[in-house]
Amino acid sequence: MTTQPETLKLYTATGCEPCVEVKEALEQGNYDILGVEGESQPEVEAIDLATEENYGIIEDHGIEAIPAAYYGARQCKIFVDDETHRVTFDCRADDEQKAAS
């Protein structure tokens, strides 16, 4: 039996406009997370990569763009609805994402 991570990690940076929009949606509870097991959604931890102590995470995870989200080792795609500003973190495996399209 595989234990699922308890936290979705959202990587952002100060001054990043898309990051601000995603963080505001989180603060308002205006988000969904797809591809997680269990009845409850995991907690979301926002981590600012613009700090000296967190800068090494960029190389450790191979982060090329922000905002970026990870659920365990799985990278999640981030979608923002233009009208409702609702954020969807799609953490499903690639084959699941393609089947849902």
C-alpha atoms as a PDB file:
ATOM      1  CA  MET A   1       0.000   0.000   0.000  1.00  0.00           C
ATOM      2  CA  THR A   2       1.350   3.410  -1.044  1.00  0.00           C
ATOM      3  CA  THR A   3       0.978   6.326   1.338  1.00  0.00           C
ATOM      4  CA  GLN A   4      -0.054   9.545  -0.380  1.00  0.00           C
ATOM      5  CA  PRO A   5       1.693  12.807   0.536  1.00  0.00           C
ATOM      6  CA  GLU A   6      -0.355  14.959   2.858  1.00  0.00           C
ATOM      7  CA  THR A   7       0.626  18.300   1.298  1.00  0.00           C
ATOM      8  CA  LEU A   8       0.605  19.808  -2.169  1.00  0.00           C
ATOM      9  CA  LYS A   9       3.599  22.122  -2.422  1.00  0.00           C
ATOM     10  CA  LEU A  10       3.077  25.317  -4.398  1.00  0.00           C
ATOM     11  CA  TYR A  11       6.259  27.117  -5.405  1.00  0.00           C
ATOM     12  CA  THR A  12       5.948  30.854  -5.998  1.00  0.00           C
ATOM     13  CA  ALA A  13       8.102  33.979  -5.923  1.00  0.00           C
ATOM     14  CA  THR A  14       7.587  37.509  -4.737  1.00  0.00           C
ATOM     15  CA  GLY A  15       6.756  39.773  -7.665  1.00  0.00           C
ATOM     16  CA  CYS A  16       5.357  36.973  -9.847  1.00  0.00           C
ATOM     17  CA  GLU A  17       1.877  38.121 -11.010  1.00  0.00           C
ATOM     18  CA  PRO A  18       0.524  34.630 -11.832  1.00  0.00           C
ATOM     19  CA  CYS A  19       1.784  33.487  -8.406  1.00  0.00           C
ATOM     20  CA  VAL A  20      -0.205  36.262  -6.705  1.00  0.00           C
ATOM     21  CA  GLU A  21      -3.390  35.186  -8.494  1.00  0.00           C
ATOM     22  CA  VAL A  22      -2.921  31.545  -7.497  1.00  0.00           C
ATOM     23  CA  LYS A  23      -2.074  32.434  -3.876  1.00  0.00           C
ATOM     24  CA  GLU A  24      -5.169  34.657  -3.619  1.00  0.00           C
ATOM     25  CA  ALA A  25      -7.350  31.783  -4.855  1.00  0.00           C
ATOM     26  CA  LEU A  26      -5.803  29.540  -2.185  1.00  0.00           C
ATOM     27  CA  GLU A  27      -6.490  32.077   0.559  1.00  0.00           C
ATOM     28  CA  GLN A  28     -10.132  32.257  -0.570  1.00  0.00           C
ATOM     29  CA  GLY A  29     -10.505  28.479  -0.844  1.00  0.00           C
ATOM     30  CA  ASN A  30     -11.227  28.936  -4.537  1.00  0.00           C
ATOM     31  CA  TYR A  31      -9.376  25.874  -5.845  1.00  0.00           C
ATOM     32  CA  ASP A  32      -9.644  22.177  -6.686  1.00  0.00           C
ATOM     33  CA  ILE A  33      -7.040  19.437  -6.696  1.00  0.00           C
ATOM     34  CA  LEU A  34      -7.435  16.582  -9.174  1.00  0.00           C
ATOM     35  CA  GLY A  35      -5.655  13.250  -8.943  1.00  0.00           C
ATOM     36  CA  VAL A  36      -5.468  12.760  -5.179  1.00  0.00           C
ATOM     37  CA  GLU A  37      -6.904   9.787  -3.367  1.00  0.00           C
ATOM     38  CA  GLY A  38      -9.064   9.936  -0.301  1.00  0.00           C
ATOM     39  CA  GLU A  39     -12.090  11.907   0.722  1.00  0.00           C
ATOM     40  CA  SER A  40     -10.326  15.080   1.817  1.00  0.00           C
ATOM     41  CA  GLN A  41      -8.154  17.383  -0.223  1.00  0.00           C
ATOM     42  CA  PRO A  42      -4.527  17.712   0.868  1.00  0.00           C
ATOM     43  CA  GLU A  43      -3.298  20.877   2.479  1.00  0.00           C
ATOM     44  CA  VAL A  44      -1.476  23.321   0.211  1.00  0.00           C
ATOM     45  CA  GLU A  45       1.815  24.805   1.347  1.00  0.00           C
ATOM     46  CA  ALA A  46       2.989  27.909  -0.536  1.00  0.00           C
ATOM     47  CA  ILE A  47       6.771  28.215  -0.641  1.00  0.00           C
ATOM     48  CA  ASP A  48       8.410  31.466  -1.780  1.00  0.00           C
ATOM     49  CA  LEU A  49      11.461  30.624  -3.898  1.00  0.00           C
ATOM     50  CA  ALA A  50      12.671  34.230  -3.819  1.00  0.00           C
ATOM     51  CA  THR A  51      14.117  33.712  -0.357  1.00  0.00           C
ATOM     52  CA  GLU A  52      17.740  32.727   0.100  1.00  0.00           C
ATOM     53  CA  GLU A  53      16.824  29.703   2.218  1.00  0.00           C
ATOM     54  CA  ASN A  54      14.485  28.282  -0.455  1.00  0.00           C
ATOM     55  CA  TYR A  55      16.459  29.142  -3.592  1.00  0.00           C
ATOM     56  CA  GLY A  56      18.102  25.688  -3.745  1.00  0.00           C
ATOM     57  CA  ILE A  57      14.687  24.075  -4.260  1.00  0.00           C
ATOM     58  CA  ILE A  58      14.716  25.374  -7.853  1.00  0.00           C
ATOM     59  CA  GLU A  59      17.650  23.154  -8.770  1.00  0.00           C
ATOM     60  CA  ASP A  60      16.584  20.256  -6.538  1.00  0.00           C
ATOM     61  CA  HIS A  61      13.228  19.933  -8.342  1.00  0.00           C
ATOM     62  CA  GLY A  62      14.369  21.208 -11.734  1.00  0.00           C
ATOM     63  CA  ILE A  63      11.768  23.973 -11.595  1.00  0.00           C
ATOM     64  CA  GLU A  64      11.806  25.908 -14.867  1.00  0.00           C
ATOM     65  CA  ALA A  65       8.769  28.158 -14.377  1.00  0.00           C
ATOM     66  CA  ILE A  66       6.613  29.402 -11.530  1.00  0.00           C
ATOM     67  CA  PRO A  67       4.114  29.005 -10.136  1.00  0.00           C
ATOM     68  CA  ALA A  68       4.814  25.288  -9.929  1.00  0.00           C
ATOM     69  CA  ALA A  69       3.027  22.657  -7.864  1.00  0.00           C
ATOM     70  CA  TYR A  70       4.058  19.179  -6.753  1.00  0.00           C
ATOM     71  CA  TYR A  71       2.118  16.441  -5.014  1.00  0.00           C
ATOM     72  CA  GLY A  72       4.868  14.163  -3.796  1.00  0.00           C
ATOM     73  CA  ALA A  73       7.130  13.550  -6.796  1.00  0.00           C
ATOM     74  CA  ARG A  74       4.315  14.266  -9.250  1.00  0.00           C
ATOM     75  CA  GLN A  75       4.292  17.691 -10.920  1.00  0.00           C
ATOM     76  CA  CYS A  76       0.807  19.200 -11.114  1.00  0.00           C
ATOM     77  CA  LYS A  77      -0.466  21.362 -13.944  1.00  0.00           C
ATOM     78  CA  ILE A  78      -2.036  24.646 -12.820  1.00  0.00           C
ATOM     79  CA  PHE A  79      -5.092  26.108 -14.553  1.00  0.00           C
ATOM     80  CA  VAL A  80      -6.838  29.388 -13.703  1.00  0.00           C
ATOM     81  CA  ASP A  81     -10.388  30.050 -14.918  1.00  0.00           C
ATOM     82  CA  ASP A  82     -10.420  33.546 -16.458  1.00  0.00           C
ATOM     83  CA  GLU A  83     -13.955  34.313 -15.297  1.00  0.00           C
ATOM     84  CA  THR A  84     -14.131  32.808 -11.803  1.00  0.00           C
ATOM     85  CA  HIS A  85     -10.388  32.906 -11.021  1.00  0.00           C
ATOM     86  CA  ARG A  86     -10.825  29.354  -9.674  1.00  0.00           C
ATOM     87  CA  VAL A  87      -7.544  27.459  -9.689  1.00  0.00           C
ATOM     88  CA  THR A  88      -7.314  23.789 -10.577  1.00  0.00           C
ATOM     89  CA  PHE A  89      -4.234  21.776  -9.701  1.00  0.00           C
ATOM     90  CA  ASP A  90      -4.229  18.742 -12.003  1.00  0.00           C
ATOM     91  CA  CYS A  91      -2.030  16.192 -10.266  1.00  0.00           C
ATOM     92  CA  ARG A  92      -3.233  13.206 -12.251  1.00  0.00           C
ATOM     93  CA  ALA A  93      -0.687  11.081 -14.096  1.00  0.00           C
ATOM     94  CA  ASP A  94      -0.166  12.149 -17.722  1.00  0.00           C
ATOM     95  CA  ASP A  95      -2.173   9.206 -19.096  1.00  0.00           C
ATOM     96  CA  GLU A  96      -5.115  10.122 -16.840  1.00  0.00           C
ATOM     97  CA  GLN A  97      -4.945  13.754 -18.008  1.00  0.00           C
ATOM     98  CA  LYS A  98      -5.017  12.706 -21.666  1.00  0.00           C
ATOM     99  CA  ALA A  99      -7.978  10.381 -21.124  1.00  0.00           C
ATOM    100  CA  ALA A 100      -9.944  13.205 -19.428  1.00  0.00           C
ATOM    101  CA  SER A 101      -9.328  15.669 -22.291  1.00  0.00           C
END
